[in-house]
Protein backbone atom coordinates (compact mmCIF):
# COMPACT_ATOMS: atom_id res chain seq x y z
CA UNK A 1 19.14 21.58 -15.56
CA UNK A 2 19.70 22.55 -11.86
CA UNK A 3 23.00 21.19 -10.51
CA UNK A 4 21.45 18.74 -8.00
CA UNK A 5 19.07 17.29 -10.55
CA UNK A 6 21.87 16.92 -13.09
CA UNK A 7 23.93 14.76 -10.74
CA UNK A 8 20.89 12.89 -9.47
CA UNK A 9 19.59 12.05 -12.92
CA UNK A 10 22.99 10.73 -13.99
CA UNK A 11 23.35 8.59 -10.89
CA UNK A 12 19.81 7.22 -10.87
CA UNK A 13 20.04 6.28 -14.54
CA UNK A 14 22.71 3.77 -13.59
CA UNK A 15 20.84 2.24 -10.64
CA UNK A 16 18.69 -0.84 -11.15
CA UNK A 17 16.02 -0.86 -8.44
CA UNK A 18 13.91 1.83 -6.88
CA UNK A 19 13.15 1.25 -3.21
CA UNK A 20 15.04 3.41 -0.76
CA UNK A 21 16.72 0.87 1.48
CA UNK A 22 17.70 1.25 5.12
CA UNK A 23 20.50 -0.48 7.01
CA UNK A 24 21.61 -1.02 10.57
CA UNK A 25 24.77 1.05 10.16
CA UNK A 26 22.70 4.22 10.34
CA UNK A 27 20.73 6.55 8.11
CA UNK A 28 23.66 7.43 5.81
CA UNK A 29 22.45 5.18 3.01
CA UNK A 30 22.77 5.64 -0.72
CA UNK A 31 22.05 2.18 -2.08
CA UNK A 32 18.61 1.46 -3.47
CA UNK A 33 18.37 -2.33 -3.37
CA UNK A 34 16.57 -4.40 -0.72
CA UNK A 35 18.84 -7.30 0.18
CA UNK A 36 21.11 -9.38 -2.04
CA UNK A 37 19.93 -9.48 -5.68
CA UNK A 38 19.52 -13.26 -5.52
CA UNK A 39 16.58 -12.88 -3.11
CA UNK A 40 14.36 -11.41 -5.85
CA UNK A 41 13.79 -13.06 -9.22
CA UNK A 42 14.25 -10.90 -12.33
CA UNK A 43 10.53 -11.16 -13.03
CA UNK A 44 9.60 -9.97 -9.55
CA UNK A 45 12.19 -7.19 -9.74
CA UNK A 46 10.44 -5.88 -12.88
CA UNK A 47 7.17 -5.71 -10.99
CA UNK A 48 8.83 -3.97 -8.06
CA UNK A 49 10.45 -1.31 -10.21
CA UNK A 50 7.15 -0.63 -11.95
CA UNK A 51 5.32 -0.39 -8.63
CA UNK A 52 7.76 2.09 -7.12
CA UNK A 53 7.67 4.19 -10.28
CA UNK A 54 3.87 4.31 -10.17
CA UNK A 55 3.91 5.28 -6.49
CA UNK A 56 6.53 7.99 -6.89
CA UNK A 57 4.73 9.67 -9.78
CA UNK A 58 1.35 9.37 -8.07
CA UNK A 59 2.49 11.02 -4.84
CA UNK A 60 4.67 13.59 -6.56
CA UNK A 61 1.95 14.71 -8.96
CA UNK A 62 -1.20 14.40 -6.86
CA UNK A 63 -0.14 14.84 -3.21
CA UNK A 64 2.97 17.05 -3.24
CA UNK A 65 3.44 20.50 -4.71
CA UNK A 66 6.52 19.19 -6.50
CA UNK A 67 6.86 20.42 -10.10
CA UNK A 68 6.45 17.74 -12.78
CA UNK A 69 10.08 18.13 -13.88
CA UNK A 70 11.32 17.41 -10.37
CA UNK A 71 9.02 14.40 -10.04
CA UNK A 72 10.45 12.99 -13.25
CA UNK A 73 14.06 13.63 -12.28
CA UNK A 74 13.87 12.29 -8.72
CA UNK A 75 12.99 8.73 -9.65
CA UNK A 76 14.87 5.99 -11.43
CA UNK A 77 14.93 5.77 -15.20
CA UNK A 78 12.01 3.84 -16.70
CA UNK A 79 13.13 0.26 -17.40
CA UNK A 80 12.98 -0.87 -21.02
CA UNK A 81 9.52 -2.06 -22.00
CA UNK A 82 7.56 -0.07 -19.42
CA UNK A 83 4.75 2.29 -20.31
CA UNK A 84 3.11 4.72 -17.87
CA UNK A 85 -0.44 6.04 -17.90
CA UNK A 86 -1.38 9.01 -15.72
CA UNK A 87 -5.13 9.47 -15.21
CA UNK A 88 -5.80 12.97 -13.92
CA UNK A 89 -9.51 12.28 -13.43
CA UNK A 90 -9.10 9.26 -11.14
CA UNK A 91 -5.68 10.38 -9.87
CA UNK A 92 -4.10 7.04 -10.60
CA UNK A 93 -0.81 6.07 -12.19
CA UNK A 94 -0.40 2.74 -13.98
CA UNK A 95 2.94 1.36 -15.12
CA UNK A 96 2.81 -1.49 -17.65
CA UNK A 97 5.81 -3.80 -17.43
CA UNK A 98 4.84 -7.27 -18.80
CA UNK A 99 2.29 -8.45 -21.33
CA UNK A 100 1.13 -11.32 -19.10
CA UNK A 101 0.42 -9.16 -16.03
CA UNK A 102 -1.77 -6.16 -15.20
CA UNK A 103 0.10 -2.87 -14.75
CA UNK A 104 1.33 -1.81 -11.35
CA UNK A 105 -1.11 0.79 -10.03
CA UNK A 106 -0.86 3.58 -7.47
CA UNK A 107 -4.02 5.43 -6.49
CA UNK A 108 -4.43 8.76 -4.69
CA UNK A 109 -6.89 9.29 -1.83
CA UNK A 110 -7.60 12.46 0.17
CA UNK A 111 -5.26 12.95 3.16
CA UNK A 112 -3.57 9.58 2.58
CA UNK A 113 -1.46 10.38 -0.45
CA UNK A 114 -1.02 7.42 -2.78
CA UNK A 115 -1.36 3.71 -2.19
CA UNK A 116 0.54 1.12 -4.19
CA UNK A 117 -1.67 -1.82 -5.09
CA UNK A 118 -0.18 -5.32 -4.86
CA UNK A 119 1.26 -7.10 -7.87
CA UNK A 120 -1.57 -8.45 -10.02
CA UNK A 121 -4.22 -6.04 -8.72
CA UNK A 122 -6.49 -4.17 -11.14
CA UNK A 123 -8.56 -1.01 -10.91
CA UNK A 124 -11.25 -3.08 -9.20
CA UNK A 125 -9.20 -2.96 -6.01
CA UNK A 126 -8.47 0.75 -6.50
CA UNK A 127 -12.20 1.47 -6.61
CA UNK A 128 -12.77 -0.58 -3.46
CA UNK A 129 -10.28 1.30 -1.30
CA UNK A 130 -12.09 3.16 1.49
CA UNK A 131 -11.71 6.92 1.73
CA UNK A 132 -11.47 9.12 4.81
CA UNK A 133 -14.66 10.86 5.92
CA UNK A 134 -15.41 13.76 3.58
CA UNK A 135 -15.87 16.17 6.48
CA UNK A 136 -12.22 15.73 7.56
CA UNK A 137 -10.15 18.08 5.42
CA UNK A 138 -6.66 19.55 5.61
CA UNK A 139 -6.82 22.87 7.50
CA UNK A 140 -5.39 25.95 5.80
CA UNK A 141 -3.00 27.38 8.38
CA UNK A 142 -0.55 29.21 6.12
CA UNK A 143 -1.63 32.70 7.18
CA UNK A 144 -1.30 31.96 10.89
CA UNK A 145 1.84 32.99 12.79
CA UNK A 146 4.77 30.57 12.78
CA UNK A 147 5.07 27.79 13.76
CA UNK A 148 1.42 26.88 13.19
CA UNK A 149 1.52 28.82 9.92
CA UNK A 150 4.08 30.70 7.86
CA UNK A 151 3.49 34.30 8.95
CA UNK A 152 6.38 35.96 10.80
CA UNK A 153 8.40 32.78 10.51
CA UNK A 154 11.83 34.33 10.15
CA UNK A 155 14.16 36.36 12.32
CA UNK A 156 17.28 38.31 11.42
CA UNK A 157 20.62 37.50 12.93
CA UNK A 158 23.37 40.02 13.60
CA UNK A 159 25.13 40.74 10.32
CA UNK A 160 28.37 38.90 11.10
CA UNK A 161 26.62 35.78 12.35
CA UNK A 162 24.21 35.76 9.44
CA UNK A 163 27.15 35.92 7.04
CA UNK A 164 28.94 33.11 8.86
CA UNK A 165 25.82 30.94 8.71
CA UNK A 166 25.36 31.65 5.00
CA UNK A 167 28.91 30.46 4.38
CA UNK A 168 28.08 27.17 6.11
CA UNK A 169 25.02 26.79 3.88
CA UNK A 170 27.12 27.66 0.83
CA UNK A 171 29.37 24.75 1.66
CA UNK A 172 26.41 22.39 2.11
CA UNK A 173 25.01 23.32 -1.30
CA UNK A 174 28.34 22.53 -2.98
CA UNK A 175 27.23 18.90 -2.70
CA UNK A 176 29.92 16.25 -3.25
CA UNK A 177 32.53 18.95 -3.84
CA UNK A 178 31.85 20.53 -0.47
CA UNK A 179 33.13 19.73 2.98
CA UNK A 180 29.89 18.01 4.01
CA UNK A 181 29.45 15.90 0.84
CA UNK A 182 25.94 14.68 -0.05
CA UNK A 183 23.56 16.35 -2.51
CA UNK A 184 21.49 18.95 -0.68
CA UNK A 185 18.16 20.35 -1.88
CA UNK A 186 16.94 22.10 1.26
CA UNK A 187 18.04 23.49 4.63
CA UNK A 188 16.00 25.16 7.37
CA UNK A 189 17.64 26.38 10.60
CA UNK A 190 15.30 27.16 13.52
CA UNK A 191 16.89 29.01 16.44
CA UNK A 192 14.95 30.19 19.50
CA UNK A 193 11.66 29.48 17.73
CA UNK A 194 12.32 31.34 14.47
CA UNK A 195 13.76 30.42 11.08
CA UNK A 196 17.15 32.14 10.86
CA UNK A 197 18.32 30.50 7.63
CA UNK A 198 16.49 28.77 4.79
CA UNK A 199 17.59 27.75 1.32
CA UNK A 200 16.34 25.48 -1.46
CA UNK A 201 17.47 24.19 -4.81
CA UNK A 202 15.37 25.20 -7.86
CA UNK A 203 12.15 23.23 -7.99
CA UNK A 204 11.96 22.86 -4.22
CA UNK A 205 10.64 25.31 -1.63
CA UNK A 206 8.89 25.80 1.72
CA UNK A 207 5.72 24.05 0.53
CA UNK A 208 7.21 21.27 -1.60
CA UNK A 209 6.88 17.90 0.07
CA UNK A 210 9.47 15.25 -0.84
CA UNK A 211 9.91 11.68 0.28
CA UNK A 212 11.35 11.49 3.80
CA UNK A 213 12.36 7.83 3.80
CA UNK A 214 13.17 6.69 7.36
CA UNK A 215 13.07 10.22 8.73
CA UNK A 216 9.39 9.43 9.16
CA UNK A 217 10.13 6.68 11.70
CA UNK A 218 10.44 9.46 14.24
CA UNK A 219 6.90 10.59 13.37
CA UNK A 220 5.73 7.04 14.07
CA UNK A 221 7.48 7.21 17.45
CA UNK A 222 5.64 10.45 18.15
CA UNK A 223 2.30 8.84 17.35
CA UNK A 224 3.17 6.13 19.86
CA UNK A 225 3.89 8.89 22.36
CA UNK A 226 0.47 10.39 21.72
CA UNK A 227 -1.05 6.94 22.24
CA UNK A 228 0.83 6.49 25.52
CA UNK A 229 -0.30 9.91 26.77
CA UNK A 230 -3.91 9.12 25.86
CA UNK A 231 -3.76 5.73 27.60
CA UNK A 232 -4.31 3.79 24.39
CA UNK A 233 -1.08 1.80 24.58
CA UNK A 234 1.53 0.80 27.15
CA UNK A 235 5.19 0.67 26.14
CA UNK A 236 5.86 -2.38 28.29
CA UNK A 237 2.72 -4.44 27.74
CA UNK A 238 3.52 -7.75 26.05
CA UNK A 239 1.88 -8.81 22.79
CA UNK A 240 0.55 -5.38 21.77
CA UNK A 241 -0.82 -6.93 18.57
CA UNK A 242 -3.81 -9.26 18.50
CA UNK A 243 -1.92 -11.52 16.06
CA UNK A 244 0.58 -12.44 18.80
CA UNK A 245 -1.75 -13.39 21.66
CA UNK A 246 -2.21 -17.11 21.04
CA UNK A 247 -0.95 -19.00 24.13
CA UNK A 248 2.67 -19.99 23.67
CA UNK A 249 3.31 -17.72 20.68
CA UNK A 250 6.94 -16.56 21.09
CA UNK A 251 5.96 -13.19 19.64
CA UNK A 252 3.88 -12.73 22.75
CA UNK A 253 7.01 -11.51 24.55
CA UNK A 254 7.44 -8.51 22.23
CA UNK A 255 6.57 -5.06 23.60
CA UNK A 256 6.26 -1.64 22.02
CA UNK A 257 9.43 -0.69 23.87
CA UNK A 258 11.29 -3.45 22.03
CA UNK A 259 10.01 -2.20 18.69
CA UNK A 260 10.77 1.42 19.53
CA UNK A 261 14.38 0.32 20.02
CA UNK A 262 14.54 -1.85 16.85
CA UNK A 263 14.90 -4.98 18.96
CA UNK A 264 11.65 -6.87 18.38
CA UNK A 265 13.48 -10.12 17.61
CA UNK A 266 11.46 -10.61 14.42
CA UNK A 267 13.27 -12.04 11.39
CA UNK A 268 13.95 -8.87 9.44
CA UNK A 269 17.36 -9.62 7.99
CA UNK A 270 18.30 -10.95 4.53
CA UNK A 271 15.54 -13.21 3.19
CA UNK A 272 13.33 -12.51 6.19
CA UNK A 273 13.14 -8.77 5.61
CA UNK A 274 9.67 -7.95 4.27
CA UNK A 275 10.44 -4.28 3.59
CA UNK A 276 10.97 -4.83 -0.14
CA UNK A 277 7.61 -6.59 -0.33
CA UNK A 278 5.96 -3.69 1.48
CA UNK A 279 7.52 -0.80 -0.42
CA UNK A 280 7.87 -2.35 -3.85
CA UNK A 281 5.54 -5.31 -4.21
CA UNK A 282 2.50 -3.78 -2.54
CA UNK A 283 2.21 -6.46 0.14
CA UNK A 284 0.07 -5.78 3.21
CA UNK A 285 1.82 -5.20 6.54
CA UNK A 286 -0.81 -7.35 8.27
CA UNK A 287 0.41 -10.28 6.17
CA UNK A 288 4.18 -9.91 5.89
CA UNK A 289 5.13 -7.91 8.99
CA UNK A 290 2.63 -8.84 11.69
CA UNK A 291 2.83 -12.55 10.77
CA UNK A 292 6.61 -12.68 10.58
CA UNK A 293 8.52 -15.16 12.74
CA UNK A 294 10.86 -14.63 15.68
CA UNK A 295 14.60 -14.89 15.00
CA UNK A 296 16.05 -13.75 18.33
CA UNK A 297 14.87 -12.98 21.83
CA UNK A 298 13.06 -9.63 22.04
CA UNK A 299 15.25 -6.85 23.39
CA UNK A 300 18.59 -8.58 22.86
CA UNK A 301 19.61 -7.66 19.28
CA UNK A 302 19.46 -4.42 17.33
CA UNK A 303 18.19 -5.05 13.81
CA UNK A 304 17.19 -1.96 11.85
CA UNK A 305 13.79 -2.88 10.46
CA UNK A 306 10.92 -0.95 8.95
CA UNK A 307 8.53 -3.62 10.15
CA UNK A 308 9.14 -2.71 13.78
CA UNK A 309 8.04 0.84 13.01
CA UNK A 310 5.02 -0.21 10.96
CA UNK A 311 3.85 -2.59 13.70
CA UNK A 312 4.10 0.18 16.31
CA UNK A 313 1.47 2.08 14.34
CA UNK A 314 -0.58 -1.05 13.69
CA UNK A 315 -0.75 -1.54 17.47
CA UNK A 316 -2.16 1.98 17.74
CA UNK A 317 -4.72 1.17 15.06
CA UNK A 318 -5.88 -1.88 16.99
CA UNK A 319 -6.03 0.14 20.21
CA UNK A 320 -8.21 2.83 18.60
CA UNK A 321 -10.39 -0.03 17.30
CA UNK A 322 -12.12 2.11 14.68
CA UNK A 323 -10.54 1.83 11.24
CA UNK A 324 -12.44 4.78 9.79
CA UNK A 325 -11.42 7.05 12.65
CA UNK A 326 -7.84 5.83 12.53
CA UNK A 327 -7.44 6.82 8.89
CA UNK A 328 -7.31 10.43 10.07
CA UNK A 329 -6.16 9.91 13.67
CA UNK A 330 -2.47 10.75 13.01
CA UNK A 331 -3.54 13.99 11.32
CA UNK A 332 -6.11 15.10 13.89
CA UNK A 333 -4.19 14.04 16.99
CA UNK A 334 -0.71 15.05 15.92
CA UNK A 335 0.25 16.49 12.53
CA UNK A 336 -2.33 19.25 12.23
CA UNK A 337 -1.90 20.27 15.86
CA UNK A 338 1.69 21.18 14.94
CA UNK A 339 0.83 22.87 11.67
CA UNK A 340 2.35 19.95 9.69
CA UNK A 341 -0.31 20.22 7.00
CA UNK A 342 1.95 19.20 4.12
CA UNK A 343 3.19 15.97 5.65
CA UNK A 344 1.75 12.95 3.86
CA UNK A 345 1.61 9.57 5.62
CA UNK A 346 0.86 6.80 3.15
CA UNK A 347 -0.68 3.39 3.73
CA UNK A 348 -0.71 -0.06 2.20
CA UNK A 349 -3.90 -1.26 0.49
CA UNK A 350 -5.08 -2.70 3.81
CA UNK A 351 -4.85 0.82 5.31
CA UNK A 352 -1.93 0.18 7.64
CA UNK A 353 0.24 3.29 7.71
CA UNK A 354 3.75 2.66 6.37
CA UNK A 355 5.33 5.31 8.57
CA UNK A 356 8.67 3.59 8.36
CA UNK A 357 9.57 5.62 5.30
CA UNK A 358 6.66 5.93 2.90
CA UNK A 359 6.02 9.54 3.84
CA UNK A 360 6.49 12.90 2.14
CA UNK A 361 7.10 16.15 3.98
CA UNK A 362 8.57 19.64 3.78
CA UNK A 363 11.68 20.98 5.48
CA UNK A 364 9.54 23.50 7.38
CA UNK A 365 7.23 20.77 8.68
CA UNK A 366 10.22 19.01 10.20
CA UNK A 367 11.32 22.30 11.68
CA UNK A 368 7.98 22.34 13.50
CA UNK A 369 8.47 18.71 14.47
CA UNK A 370 11.85 19.46 16.01
CA UNK A 371 10.42 22.38 17.95
CA UNK A 372 7.92 20.02 19.61
CA UNK A 373 10.82 17.96 20.92
CA UNK A 374 12.66 21.04 22.12
CA UNK A 375 9.56 21.68 24.25
CA UNK A 376 9.40 18.04 25.45
CA UNK A 377 6.01 17.49 23.82
CA UNK A 378 4.24 20.72 24.77
CA UNK A 379 2.54 22.71 22.00
CA UNK A 380 0.32 25.78 22.30
CA UNK A 381 -0.27 24.98 25.95
CA UNK A 382 -1.30 21.40 25.26
CA UNK A 383 0.77 18.36 26.19
CA UNK A 384 0.87 16.18 23.07
CA UNK A 385 3.60 13.76 24.20
CA UNK A 386 4.16 12.32 27.68
CA UNK A 387 6.43 14.29 29.96
CA UNK A 388 9.96 13.00 29.48
CA UNK A 389 9.28 11.63 25.98
CA UNK A 390 12.19 13.65 24.54
CA UNK A 391 14.52 12.00 27.02
CA UNK A 392 13.07 8.55 26.28
CA UNK A 393 13.56 8.68 22.50
CA UNK A 394 17.03 10.27 22.80
CA UNK A 395 18.41 7.77 25.34
CA UNK A 396 20.57 5.01 23.83
CA UNK A 397 18.68 1.74 23.44
CA UNK A 398 19.91 -1.33 25.36
CA UNK A 399 21.04 -2.97 22.10
CA UNK A 400 22.99 -0.85 19.63
CA UNK A 401 24.07 -1.10 15.98
CA UNK A 402 27.62 -2.31 15.43
CA UNK A 403 28.52 1.09 13.97
CA UNK A 404 27.95 2.76 17.36
CA UNK A 405 30.99 0.98 18.82
CA UNK A 406 33.07 2.47 16.01
CA UNK A 407 32.01 6.00 16.87
CA UNK A 408 28.95 6.25 14.64
CA UNK A 409 25.53 7.47 15.64
CA UNK A 410 23.78 5.53 18.38
CA UNK A 411 20.13 4.54 18.36
CA UNK A 412 17.40 5.66 20.73
CA UNK A 413 13.66 5.26 20.26
CA UNK A 414 13.21 5.60 16.50
CA UNK A 415 15.69 8.51 16.55
CA UNK A 416 19.46 8.56 15.96
CA UNK A 417 21.70 10.03 18.67
CA UNK A 418 24.60 12.25 17.62
CA UNK A 419 25.63 13.82 20.92
CA UNK A 420 29.42 14.23 21.06
CA UNK A 421 29.96 13.46 17.37
CA UNK A 422 32.02 16.12 15.54
CA UNK A 423 31.79 18.40 18.55
CA UNK A 424 27.99 18.40 18.86
CA UNK A 425 26.49 18.94 22.32
CA UNK A 426 25.73 15.74 24.21
CA UNK A 427 21.96 16.13 23.81
CA UNK A 428 21.87 16.23 19.97
CA UNK A 429 19.60 13.72 18.26
CA UNK A 430 17.77 13.49 14.95
CA UNK A 431 15.38 11.63 12.71
CA UNK A 432 17.37 10.01 9.92
CA UNK A 433 16.36 8.84 6.48
CA UNK A 434 18.00 7.36 3.41
CA UNK A 435 19.51 9.75 0.87
CA UNK A 436 20.21 12.29 3.61
CA UNK A 437 17.07 13.35 5.51
CA UNK A 438 17.72 14.89 8.94
CA UNK A 439 16.27 17.26 11.54
CA UNK A 440 18.99 17.65 14.15
CA UNK A 441 17.44 18.60 17.49
CA UNK A 442 19.73 20.25 20.07
CA UNK A 443 17.72 21.17 23.21
CA UNK A 444 20.66 22.81 24.97
CA UNK A 445 20.96 25.27 22.07
CA UNK A 446 17.20 25.62 21.43
CA UNK A 447 18.03 24.67 17.86
CA UNK A 448 16.69 22.53 15.01
CA UNK A 449 18.77 22.00 11.86
CA UNK A 450 16.74 20.45 9.05
CA UNK A 451 18.70 19.14 6.09
CA UNK A 452 16.98 17.44 3.15
CA UNK A 453 18.84 15.80 0.31
CA UNK A 454 19.05 13.30 -2.51
CA UNK A 455 22.50 11.92 -1.76
CA UNK A 456 23.74 9.80 -4.63
CA UNK A 457 27.38 9.55 -3.60
CA UNK A 458 29.09 9.97 -0.27
CA UNK A 459 26.50 10.65 2.43
CA UNK A 460 26.00 14.03 4.07
CA UNK A 461 28.03 14.79 7.22
CA UNK A 462 25.09 15.94 9.31
CA UNK A 463 26.95 16.05 12.64
CA UNK A 464 29.75 18.24 11.27
CA UNK A 465 27.28 20.46 9.44
CA UNK A 466 25.13 20.93 12.56
CA UNK A 467 28.19 21.65 14.71
CA UNK A 468 29.30 24.29 12.22
CA UNK A 469 25.83 25.84 12.24
CA UNK A 470 26.10 26.15 16.02
CA UNK A 471 29.57 27.70 15.73
CA UNK A 472 28.29 30.25 13.19
CA UNK A 473 25.34 31.16 15.40
CA UNK A 474 27.62 31.63 18.40
CA UNK A 475 30.20 33.67 16.51
CA UNK A 476 32.98 31.11 16.81
CA UNK A 477 33.21 30.20 13.12
């Protein structure tokens, strides 16, 4: 068994629940429980584990190019008493967990990956899910020149610098025994527009999409940027959701800017956090996120919450005001324009995108993503993001996580800010996701460092790793 999968399988076998949690301290997260155990009954926890197992297998088998062995070894061990059925014809996965309840079901749809049905749902709901228009299909861009495709993607470094960079990657792939810790499965380094280093563990590769967790929040922020540029939404308009516009509703003070900065004021801590219901129970965001209550004044407190991200994209959906068109809007207006054809954005059963973490993507796709931010939103002569959007998302938010005061990463607009940490240039910032998903963007160095992992111990030291990559490229390491 490959070394990463050996350690991962051993660690996951000992872990009880399956949702990849996030926390306000930053993206270095290796716990898999949502909230204190007392907040979920044992019965409900069984349903949640079954639902996440169904979703992981469905996406891994039917939407990613991940080998079956890797799919099986990158999820938690099947709880006692569960039985899984994989239907290749309907592209559904059902996990039976209790005799008195229907199985938990995940169903694949074109472009949208897999959708987890809510607890208690049957195949009747699966059959009723709408599908994107048949004429909208994933473009085949592989033969086009990089970065739109994969042709001529790489560039050679001078021998000494290439060797120095390879030594840095060697250390990263030593996992918990290495200087950077973590458990790495993939690295892509993009310098001056070309891939100058790339490495994967067995079973992974340039075209294998894996779950990004909260790394995808930065994609949601980019979709908001597209919406702002197109005049669909305004960052500072109050009550961007129709659900909050009743006179006197305290949620009417919330803006997209507040949610971009994780400061909506919604109750998304402890028992008020609906993320477990969304990711594990199959609840609809329109019911548990949009209808959540206020807990603090918008803009005053940083609370790291997937619901803020999900509601950003729901506001875009309402602004487009055409649910059929919006099913493919993120692909047509953003992903495919960058060549990100293997990035999968999944939805709940009500077709709200869960781009707070329920996404799968490749390391190369996030290399492309980082390059867009190096160019401040310009791509192939077209402005995709508003001018200055890179500066907006990489500027510290008014309210910060407590860890920032202790020298940890700061928070911007759905991105984490690492400038100055471990010797990084002041302008370094990155998406960040649980289990070690990063794409460090350093505009002053024209550099993107993508690191993907399955950290099951001490988290990966992304700032130190990125600083050492820079030193290797500049001949100082």
